[in-house]
Protein backbone atom coordinates (compact mmCIF):
# COMPACT_ATOMS: atom_id res chain seq x y z
CA MET A 1 -69.24 100.83 -2.49
CA THR A 2 -68.65 101.53 1.24
CA SER A 3 -72.01 103.22 1.93
CA SER A 4 -75.00 100.92 2.22
CA ARG A 5 -78.72 101.29 1.75
CA SER A 6 -81.10 100.56 4.58
CA LEU A 7 -82.73 97.18 5.08
CA PRO A 8 -86.20 98.49 4.10
CA GLU A 9 -84.75 100.08 0.94
CA LEU A 10 -83.08 96.84 -0.06
CA GLY A 11 -86.15 94.82 0.83
CA HIS A 12 -88.33 96.98 -1.40
CA ILE A 13 -85.90 96.60 -4.34
CA ILE A 14 -85.71 92.84 -3.85
CA GLN A 15 -89.48 92.40 -3.77
CA SER A 16 -90.09 94.74 -6.71
CA ARG A 17 -87.46 93.27 -9.01
CA ALA A 18 -88.34 89.69 -8.09
CA ASN A 19 -91.99 90.36 -8.95
CA THR A 20 -91.03 91.92 -12.29
CA ILE A 21 -88.93 88.90 -13.27
CA ALA A 22 -91.67 86.49 -12.18
CA ASP A 23 -94.21 88.47 -14.23
CA TRP A 24 -91.97 88.22 -17.29
CA HIS A 25 -91.70 84.44 -16.96
CA ARG A 26 -95.47 84.24 -16.62
CA ALA A 27 -96.10 86.45 -19.66
CA GLU A 28 -93.64 84.46 -21.77
CA ASN A 29 -95.11 81.13 -20.62
CA GLU A 30 -91.70 80.28 -19.19
CA PRO A 31 -91.39 78.20 -16.01
CA GLN A 32 -90.56 80.18 -12.89
CA PRO A 33 -86.93 79.84 -11.70
CA SER A 34 -86.62 76.76 -9.52
CA LEU A 35 -83.99 74.65 -7.81
CA SER A 36 -85.83 71.43 -8.57
CA ALA A 37 -84.03 68.87 -10.70
CA GLY A 38 -86.42 69.24 -13.59
CA PHE A 39 -85.76 72.94 -14.11
CA SER A 40 -84.23 73.76 -17.50
CA MET A 41 -80.52 74.52 -17.44
CA GLN A 42 -80.80 76.65 -20.57
CA THR A 43 -79.72 80.23 -19.92
CA HIS A 44 -82.37 82.80 -20.74
CA GLU A 45 -81.55 85.79 -22.93
CA TYR A 46 -83.69 88.31 -21.12
CA THR A 47 -84.90 91.62 -22.55
CA LYS A 48 -82.88 94.71 -21.61
CA HIS A 49 -85.43 95.71 -18.97
CA ILE A 50 -85.41 92.26 -17.36
CA GLU A 51 -81.61 92.19 -17.46
CA GLU A 52 -81.66 95.47 -15.56
CA CYS A 53 -84.05 94.03 -12.99
CA ARG A 54 -81.92 90.91 -12.62
CA ALA A 55 -78.76 92.98 -12.07
CA GLU A 56 -80.48 95.24 -9.53
CA LEU A 57 -81.93 92.23 -7.71
CA LEU A 58 -78.56 90.48 -7.47
CA GLU A 59 -76.87 93.70 -6.33
CA ALA A 60 -79.47 94.25 -3.62
CA LEU A 61 -79.26 90.63 -2.45
CA ASP A 62 -75.47 90.84 -2.24
CA GLU A 63 -75.62 94.06 -0.24
CA MET A 64 -78.44 92.73 1.97
CA ARG A 65 -76.43 89.62 2.83
CA ALA A 66 -73.38 91.65 3.88
CA LEU A 67 -75.51 94.07 5.87
CA VAL A 68 -77.50 91.40 7.72
CA LEU A 69 -74.47 89.23 8.48
CA GLY A 70 -72.39 92.09 9.81
CA PRO A 71 -68.57 92.35 9.60
CA THR A 72 -67.49 89.30 11.62
CA SER A 73 -70.07 86.88 10.25
CA PHE A 74 -69.45 88.16 6.73
CA LEU A 75 -65.72 87.42 7.04
CA PHE A 76 -66.46 84.04 8.60
CA PHE A 77 -68.72 82.87 5.77
CA THR A 78 -66.72 84.55 2.99
CA SER A 79 -63.18 83.68 4.02
CA VAL A 80 -62.65 81.46 7.05
CA ILE A 81 -64.76 78.49 5.91
CA SER A 82 -64.21 78.94 2.15
CA PRO A 83 -61.53 76.19 1.95
CA VAL A 84 -64.21 73.70 2.96
CA TRP A 85 -66.30 74.46 -0.11
CA THR A 86 -63.27 74.05 -2.36
CA ALA A 87 -62.64 70.67 -0.76
CA VAL A 88 -66.28 69.61 -1.16
CA PHE A 89 -66.38 70.47 -4.85
CA ASN A 90 -63.04 68.81 -5.43
CA VAL A 91 -64.36 65.57 -3.93
CA LEU A 92 -67.55 65.83 -6.01
CA TYR A 93 -65.34 66.24 -9.08
CA ARG A 94 -62.72 63.60 -8.29
CA PHE A 95 -65.27 60.88 -7.47
CA LYS A 96 -67.80 61.97 -10.14
CA VAL A 97 -70.56 62.01 -7.56
CA ALA A 98 -73.07 63.96 -9.67
CA GLU A 99 -72.58 61.57 -12.58
CA HIS A 100 -73.42 58.59 -10.36
CA VAL A 101 -76.73 60.01 -9.15
CA PRO A 102 -79.57 59.01 -11.53
CA THR A 103 -81.24 61.94 -13.26
CA GLU A 104 -84.78 60.61 -12.97
CA SER A 105 -84.73 58.97 -9.55
CA GLY A 106 -82.92 58.84 -6.23
CA ILE A 107 -80.17 56.56 -4.98
CA SER A 108 -79.34 55.27 -1.52
CA TYR A 109 -76.14 56.31 0.23
CA VAL A 110 -75.03 52.67 0.28
CA GLU A 111 -75.34 52.24 -3.49
CA LEU A 112 -73.90 55.67 -4.23
CA SER A 113 -70.87 55.00 -2.04
CA GLU A 114 -70.23 51.78 -3.96
CA ARG A 115 -70.48 53.57 -7.30
CA CYS A 116 -68.20 56.43 -6.22
CA GLY A 117 -65.65 54.39 -4.31
CA LEU A 118 -66.12 56.40 -1.11
CA ILE A 119 -66.96 54.89 2.25
CA GLU A 120 -70.53 55.71 3.21
CA SER A 121 -69.72 57.78 6.31
CA ASP A 122 -67.41 60.11 4.36
CA LEU A 123 -69.89 60.37 1.50
CA ARG A 124 -72.67 61.37 3.88
CA ARG A 125 -70.57 64.15 5.38
CA ILE A 126 -69.50 65.49 1.99
CA LEU A 127 -73.05 65.44 0.66
CA ARG A 128 -74.42 67.00 3.84
CA ALA A 129 -72.13 69.98 3.21
CA ALA A 130 -73.06 70.08 -0.49
CA MET A 131 -76.77 69.97 0.36
CA SER A 132 -76.31 72.99 2.64
CA MET A 133 -75.51 74.87 -0.58
CA ARG A 134 -78.50 73.34 -2.39
CA VAL A 135 -76.29 70.94 -4.33
CA PHE A 136 -78.24 67.63 -4.14
CA GLU A 137 -81.06 66.94 -1.70
CA GLU A 138 -82.03 64.06 0.57
CA ASN A 139 -85.64 63.06 -0.08
CA PRO A 140 -86.86 60.85 1.49
CA ALA A 141 -84.38 60.18 4.28
CA GLY A 142 -81.45 58.10 3.11
CA VAL A 143 -82.07 58.80 -0.59
CA VAL A 144 -79.93 61.26 -2.57
CA ARG A 145 -81.54 63.16 -5.44
CA HIS A 146 -80.46 65.85 -7.86
CA THR A 147 -81.35 69.50 -7.61
CA ALA A 148 -81.05 71.87 -10.58
CA ILE A 149 -77.55 72.80 -9.39
CA SER A 150 -76.25 69.24 -9.06
CA THR A 151 -77.85 68.38 -12.40
CA ALA A 152 -75.73 71.11 -13.98
CA LEU A 153 -72.69 69.72 -12.16
CA ALA A 154 -73.26 66.36 -13.88
CA THR A 155 -72.80 67.83 -17.37
CA PRO A 156 -69.32 67.23 -18.88
CA LEU A 157 -68.44 70.91 -19.38
CA CYS A 158 -69.48 72.03 -15.89
CA HIS A 159 -67.80 68.97 -14.38
CA ASP A 160 -64.52 69.91 -16.05
CA ALA A 161 -64.89 73.57 -15.03
CA ILE A 162 -65.10 72.50 -11.39
CA GLY A 163 -62.14 70.20 -11.96
CA PHE A 164 -60.06 72.93 -13.55
CA SER A 165 -60.78 75.28 -10.65
CA THR A 166 -60.14 72.80 -7.85
CA GLU A 167 -57.36 70.71 -9.38
CA GLU A 168 -55.35 73.41 -11.18
CA TYR A 169 -56.06 76.70 -9.41
CA ALA A 170 -56.75 75.70 -5.82
CA PRO A 171 -53.19 74.39 -5.25
CA ALA A 172 -51.84 77.66 -6.69
CA VAL A 173 -53.64 79.78 -4.11
CA THR A 174 -51.14 79.02 -1.36
CA LYS A 175 -48.26 79.57 -3.82
CA PHE A 176 -49.48 83.07 -4.66
CA PRO A 177 -47.80 84.85 -1.72
CA GLU A 178 -44.58 82.92 -2.47
CA ALA A 179 -44.65 84.02 -6.11
CA LEU A 180 -45.21 87.64 -5.08
CA GLN A 181 -42.28 87.43 -2.68
CA ARG A 182 -39.85 85.54 -4.92
CA PHE A 183 -40.67 87.45 -8.10
CA PRO A 184 -41.98 90.90 -7.12
CA GLY A 185 -43.54 92.74 -10.06
CA SER A 186 -42.83 89.83 -12.40
CA VAL A 187 -44.39 89.80 -15.85
CA LYS A 188 -42.97 86.39 -16.77
CA ALA A 189 -45.52 83.62 -17.20
CA GLY A 190 -43.08 81.03 -15.85
CA GLU A 191 -42.80 82.88 -12.53
CA SER A 192 -46.52 82.78 -11.69
CA ALA A 193 -48.09 80.95 -8.76
CA LEU A 194 -49.60 78.33 -11.06
CA ALA A 195 -46.25 77.76 -12.76
CA LEU A 196 -44.53 77.31 -9.40
CA THR A 197 -47.20 74.82 -8.37
CA ASN A 198 -46.32 72.77 -11.44
CA GLY A 199 -42.60 72.74 -10.68
CA SER A 200 -41.42 75.69 -12.74
CA SER A 201 -38.24 77.40 -11.62
CA GLY A 202 -39.24 80.47 -13.61
CA ASP A 203 -38.88 79.22 -17.16
CA THR A 204 -42.05 77.21 -17.95
CA ASP A 205 -45.60 78.60 -18.22
CA ILE A 206 -48.69 76.60 -17.36
CA PHE A 207 -49.96 76.33 -20.95
CA SER A 208 -46.70 74.66 -21.97
CA VAL A 209 -47.06 72.20 -19.10
CA VAL A 210 -50.72 71.37 -19.72
CA SER A 211 -50.30 71.02 -23.49
CA HIS A 212 -48.27 67.85 -22.85
CA HIS A 213 -51.13 66.29 -20.88
CA PRO A 214 -54.12 65.69 -23.20
CA ASP A 215 -56.55 65.04 -20.34
CA ARG A 216 -55.64 68.26 -18.56
CA TYR A 217 -55.78 70.26 -21.77
CA GLN A 218 -59.20 68.83 -22.63
CA ARG A 219 -60.39 69.73 -19.15
CA PHE A 220 -59.14 73.28 -19.68
CA THR A 221 -60.89 73.68 -23.06
CA ASN A 222 -64.12 72.25 -21.67
CA ALA A 223 -63.93 74.63 -18.71
CA MET A 224 -63.50 77.61 -21.03
CA SER A 225 -66.47 76.46 -23.10
CA TRP A 226 -68.60 76.16 -19.97
CA VAL A 227 -67.73 79.71 -18.92
CA THR A 228 -69.39 80.98 -22.12
CA THR A 229 -72.71 79.66 -20.77
CA VAL A 230 -72.54 81.71 -17.56
CA PRO A 231 -74.83 84.75 -18.04
CA GLU A 232 -72.26 87.32 -16.94
CA THR A 233 -69.50 85.85 -19.15
CA SER A 234 -71.71 84.44 -21.89
CA ALA A 235 -70.60 84.71 -25.49
CA HIS A 236 -74.03 86.06 -26.44
CA HIS A 237 -72.95 89.49 -25.16
CA PHE A 238 -70.24 89.46 -27.83
CA VAL A 239 -72.44 87.98 -30.56
CA ASN A 240 -75.21 90.52 -29.97
CA ASN A 241 -72.93 93.54 -29.76
CA VAL A 242 -70.31 93.13 -32.50
CA PRO A 243 -69.79 96.35 -34.48
CA TRP A 244 -71.96 95.17 -37.37
CA ALA A 245 -74.82 93.91 -35.18
CA HIS A 246 -76.99 96.96 -35.82
CA MET A 247 -75.21 98.35 -38.89
CA GLN A 248 -75.46 95.63 -41.51
CA ASN A 249 -76.02 98.19 -44.28
CA SER A 250 -73.02 100.29 -43.29
CA THR A 251 -70.28 100.48 -45.91
CA THR A 252 -67.56 101.03 -43.31
CA ARG A 253 -68.54 98.59 -40.59
CA GLY A 254 -70.76 96.14 -42.41
CA CYS A 255 -70.97 92.43 -41.82
CA PRO A 256 -67.62 90.76 -42.57
CA GLN A 257 -67.32 87.91 -45.02
CA VAL A 258 -64.32 86.18 -43.44
CA ILE A 259 -63.68 85.99 -39.69
CA VAL A 260 -60.92 84.25 -37.72
CA ASP A 261 -61.31 83.26 -34.07
CA ILE A 262 -57.80 82.99 -32.64
CA GLY A 263 -57.65 80.56 -29.75
CA GLY A 264 -61.22 79.58 -30.61
CA SER A 265 -61.07 76.14 -29.01
CA ARG A 266 -64.13 74.06 -30.01
CA GLY A 267 -65.55 76.72 -32.31
CA ASP A 268 -68.59 77.62 -30.21
CA LEU A 269 -68.19 81.36 -30.83
CA CYS A 270 -67.79 81.01 -34.59
CA ALA A 271 -70.82 78.74 -34.74
CA ALA A 272 -72.91 81.32 -32.86
CA LEU A 273 -71.74 84.13 -35.14
CA LEU A 274 -72.49 82.12 -38.27
CA ARG A 275 -76.00 81.34 -37.07
CA ARG A 276 -76.70 84.95 -36.13
CA TYR A 277 -75.13 86.55 -39.24
CA PRO A 278 -75.79 84.54 -42.42
CA ASP A 279 -73.79 87.05 -44.50
CA ILE A 280 -70.56 85.73 -42.97
CA LYS A 281 -69.29 83.35 -45.62
CA ARG A 282 -66.34 81.79 -43.85
CA ALA A 283 -65.29 81.34 -40.24
CA VAL A 284 -61.90 79.92 -39.29
CA VAL A 285 -61.34 78.51 -35.80
CA GLU A 286 -57.67 78.60 -34.85
CA ASP A 287 -56.05 76.81 -31.94
CA LEU A 288 -53.18 74.51 -31.05
CA PRO A 289 -53.00 71.15 -32.86
CA GLU A 290 -54.13 69.15 -29.84
CA VAL A 291 -57.35 71.20 -29.78
CA THR A 292 -58.18 71.52 -33.47
CA ARG A 293 -57.33 67.90 -34.21
CA ALA A 294 -60.15 66.76 -31.95
CA ASP A 295 -62.61 69.25 -33.42
CA THR A 296 -61.85 68.49 -37.06
CA GLU A 297 -62.69 64.88 -36.29
CA ALA A 298 -66.04 65.95 -34.81
CA LEU A 299 -69.12 66.12 -36.99
CA ILE A 300 -69.86 69.69 -38.11
CA SER A 301 -73.60 70.36 -38.20
CA SER A 302 -75.13 70.41 -41.66
CA GLU A 303 -76.30 74.00 -41.22
CA LEU A 304 -72.68 75.16 -40.88
CA ALA A 305 -71.09 72.82 -43.42
CA GLY A 306 -68.92 74.74 -45.86
CA ARG A 307 -68.82 77.85 -43.69
CA ILE A 308 -66.68 76.78 -40.72
CA GLU A 309 -63.22 75.24 -40.70
CA TYR A 310 -60.49 74.46 -38.19
CA GLN A 311 -56.89 75.59 -38.56
CA GLU A 312 -53.89 74.61 -36.46
CA TYR A 313 -52.21 77.78 -35.26
CA ASP A 314 -49.91 78.95 -32.48
CA PHE A 315 -50.43 82.68 -31.95
CA PHE A 316 -46.77 83.11 -31.05
CA THR A 317 -46.08 82.56 -34.75
CA GLU A 318 -47.11 84.57 -37.81
CA GLN A 319 -50.81 84.49 -38.66
CA VAL A 320 -51.51 81.94 -41.39
CA VAL A 321 -54.94 83.13 -42.56
CA LYS A 322 -54.35 86.15 -44.76
CA ASP A 323 -56.69 89.05 -45.60
CA ALA A 324 -59.58 88.17 -43.30
CA ASP A 325 -61.99 90.95 -42.49
CA VAL A 326 -62.03 90.38 -38.72
CA TYR A 327 -59.63 88.65 -36.32
CA ILE A 328 -61.14 87.81 -32.93
CA PHE A 329 -59.41 87.38 -29.57
CA ARG A 330 -62.01 86.34 -27.01
CA THR A 331 -60.56 86.04 -23.49
CA VAL A 332 -57.09 85.37 -24.89
CA LEU A 333 -54.91 88.44 -24.44
CA HIS A 334 -55.82 88.83 -20.77
CA ASP A 335 -53.99 85.55 -20.17
CA TRP A 336 -50.66 87.05 -21.20
CA PRO A 337 -48.39 89.77 -19.76
CA ASP A 338 -47.79 92.79 -22.01
CA ASP A 339 -44.62 91.56 -23.74
CA TYR A 340 -46.33 88.29 -24.72
CA ALA A 341 -49.52 90.07 -25.81
CA ILE A 342 -47.50 92.45 -27.96
CA ARG A 343 -45.85 89.50 -29.71
CA ILE A 344 -49.27 87.98 -30.36
CA LEU A 345 -50.58 91.24 -31.86
CA LYS A 346 -47.46 91.79 -33.96
CA ASN A 347 -47.86 88.30 -35.42
CA GLN A 348 -51.21 89.33 -36.93
CA ILE A 349 -49.82 92.31 -38.87
CA PRO A 350 -48.38 90.44 -41.91
CA ALA A 351 -51.81 88.92 -42.55
CA MET A 352 -53.88 92.08 -42.18
CA LYS A 353 -55.20 94.15 -45.06
CA LYS A 354 -56.07 97.83 -44.89
CA GLY A 355 -59.20 98.36 -42.79
CA ALA A 356 -59.13 94.88 -41.27
CA ARG A 357 -60.33 94.76 -37.70
CA ILE A 358 -59.31 93.01 -34.52
CA LEU A 359 -62.05 92.45 -31.96
CA ILE A 360 -60.80 91.86 -28.42
CA ASN A 361 -63.42 90.46 -26.05
CA ASP A 362 -61.81 90.93 -22.67
CA ILE A 363 -62.36 92.86 -19.49
CA CYS A 364 -61.87 96.61 -19.63
CA MET A 365 -61.38 97.44 -15.97
CA ASP A 366 -63.42 100.35 -14.62
CA VAL A 367 -61.18 101.85 -11.96
CA SER A 368 -63.90 104.33 -11.01
CA GLN A 369 -65.97 101.33 -9.87
CA THR A 370 -69.20 102.73 -11.27
CA VAL A 371 -70.44 99.25 -12.22
CA SER A 372 -72.20 96.86 -9.86
CA SER A 373 -70.33 95.24 -6.98
CA LEU A 374 -70.94 91.77 -8.49
CA THR A 375 -69.37 92.87 -11.78
CA ILE A 376 -66.43 94.35 -9.90
CA GLN A 377 -66.04 91.13 -7.91
CA ALA A 378 -66.02 89.09 -11.12
CA GLN A 379 -63.55 91.43 -12.83
CA CYS A 380 -61.21 91.51 -9.84
CA ALA A 381 -61.41 87.72 -9.54
CA HIS A 382 -60.49 87.36 -13.22
CA ASP A 383 -57.65 89.84 -12.73
CA LEU A 384 -56.11 87.84 -9.88
CA MET A 385 -56.73 84.51 -11.64
CA VAL A 386 -54.68 85.57 -14.67
CA LYS A 387 -52.08 87.02 -12.30
CA MET A 388 -51.81 83.67 -10.50
CA GLY A 389 -51.95 81.80 -13.80
CA LEU A 390 -49.46 83.64 -16.00
CA ASN A 391 -48.55 86.93 -14.27
CA ALA A 392 -50.96 88.63 -16.65
CA LYS A 393 -53.62 91.22 -15.87
CA GLU A 394 -56.98 92.62 -16.83
CA ARG A 395 -56.43 96.03 -18.42
CA THR A 396 -58.01 99.47 -18.19
CA ARG A 397 -58.86 101.45 -21.34
CA GLU A 398 -55.59 103.36 -20.96
CA GLU A 399 -53.61 100.13 -20.61
CA TRP A 400 -55.27 98.65 -23.70
CA SER A 401 -54.40 101.80 -25.65
CA GLU A 402 -50.79 101.68 -24.48
CA LEU A 403 -50.50 97.98 -25.30
CA LEU A 404 -51.75 98.49 -28.86
CA SER A 405 -49.49 101.48 -29.39
CA ARG A 406 -46.48 99.45 -28.27
CA ALA A 407 -47.44 96.67 -30.67
CA ASP A 408 -47.80 99.08 -33.61
CA GLU A 409 -49.04 102.66 -33.83
CA ARG A 410 -51.12 101.69 -36.84
CA PHE A 411 -53.50 99.86 -34.51
CA SER A 412 -56.31 102.30 -33.78
CA ILE A 413 -59.09 101.80 -31.22
CA GLU A 414 -62.34 102.50 -33.05
CA SER A 415 -64.72 101.76 -30.19
CA ILE A 416 -65.08 100.08 -26.82
CA VAL A 417 -68.49 98.63 -26.03
CA SER A 418 -69.25 97.32 -22.55
CA PRO A 419 -72.59 95.48 -22.79
CA PRO A 420 -74.71 95.95 -19.69
CA TYR A 421 -74.42 93.09 -17.20
CA SER A 422 -71.44 91.59 -19.04
CA VAL A 423 -68.06 91.18 -17.36
CA HIS A 424 -66.32 91.64 -20.72
CA SER A 425 -66.07 94.51 -23.18
CA ILE A 426 -65.68 94.49 -26.95
CA ILE A 427 -62.66 96.49 -28.09
CA GLU A 428 -62.78 97.23 -31.82
CA ILE A 429 -59.40 97.91 -33.41
CA VAL A 430 -58.89 99.02 -37.01
CA TRP A 431 -55.64 98.36 -38.86
CA ARG A 432 -54.41 101.48 -40.67
CA ASP A 433 -52.04 100.59 -43.48
CA SER A 434 -50.02 103.74 -42.80
CA LEU A 435 -49.70 106.33 -40.09
CA VAL A 436 -50.63 109.00 -42.61
CA SER A 437 -54.14 107.55 -42.96
CA THR A 438 -54.85 108.22 -39.28
CA THR A 439 -54.34 111.97 -39.68
CA THR A 440 -56.09 112.63 -42.98
């Protein structure tokens, strides 16, 4: 991590990998990556080789930027001016600027300021900063148009993801040192920076606060759904690498018939699993009433009718769906300190049959730092976000093993798969109905 490659070495890697990716797009009759507004926002599922090239290209670009900038400029651009970008994106969110820019044409600053409710001079300055990051463009002079990035920002899920980051988390950043000082080593969700920002005196966690504000909770669920579309955190890594993905004829790890996604929000993951694995007969999406109520009212696509259902469930209570084959926690347990996570796991036990599995799709921290610097950055950022949010943490393999053992020694880790280029791992846990079965 501290040693760097030379500029010519990095330049060669960048040119080589960029050419390989461009060649793939050409061979597949796919449009070349572009920042123009008409470029498709659909995330590509590249082949393994192209994924490798993409990861190597991004790693080299990241290292090249740090090397060319040098220490002082790197710190300036990375830290000193970073509050400005948070402010810019918060204004874009609060005034719905991207939504007010037509998708097929441009709009004058005068008209856009009227639509947004911002005075023109302030709007120009905000957009000038945004354009420096390739968010929007001015073409011709005086006319604001979308780029591919601002087009993405105009979508409801991405819009709410930006809102969740800037409205919920940004205020907690300055509370983080206070939380560390007031509650050193705390593992109580109500003593986190985010809880303090929302007026907690140590007894109320952020989920409890947000659950009483439907708009904020909807923003949170939309933000989590948007994260699944980001290549490095995409749900397709989970869908393509579940234990039965390549072993459908296996008698011990074959395709399950009944799956339960705990904290499954809108049901995007279950829908993807049902489409990929037709042998799954029933998928249950569990979440709090305020989440599932909205989704049960939504129209379920005809292709999934009869196979997917929504169930109100609080994972701090006993599991209500009995004898499922697989229970899934995707990016759930990392939100909770150990004592809370243990309660959640214990609540699944009364419902589990012999051989039932729990699949945890969370980060498995690599303390040896053998993965790419971008993956490490993402994992460390997640780790500090859940620390600020609920005094939780991202766990190493050893910490996952200890957590499961504390919950019940009959939980046995069967495998841990870390898909290449994914921030998250898939931890497969088998429920042994007795301790004797683990030694015979």
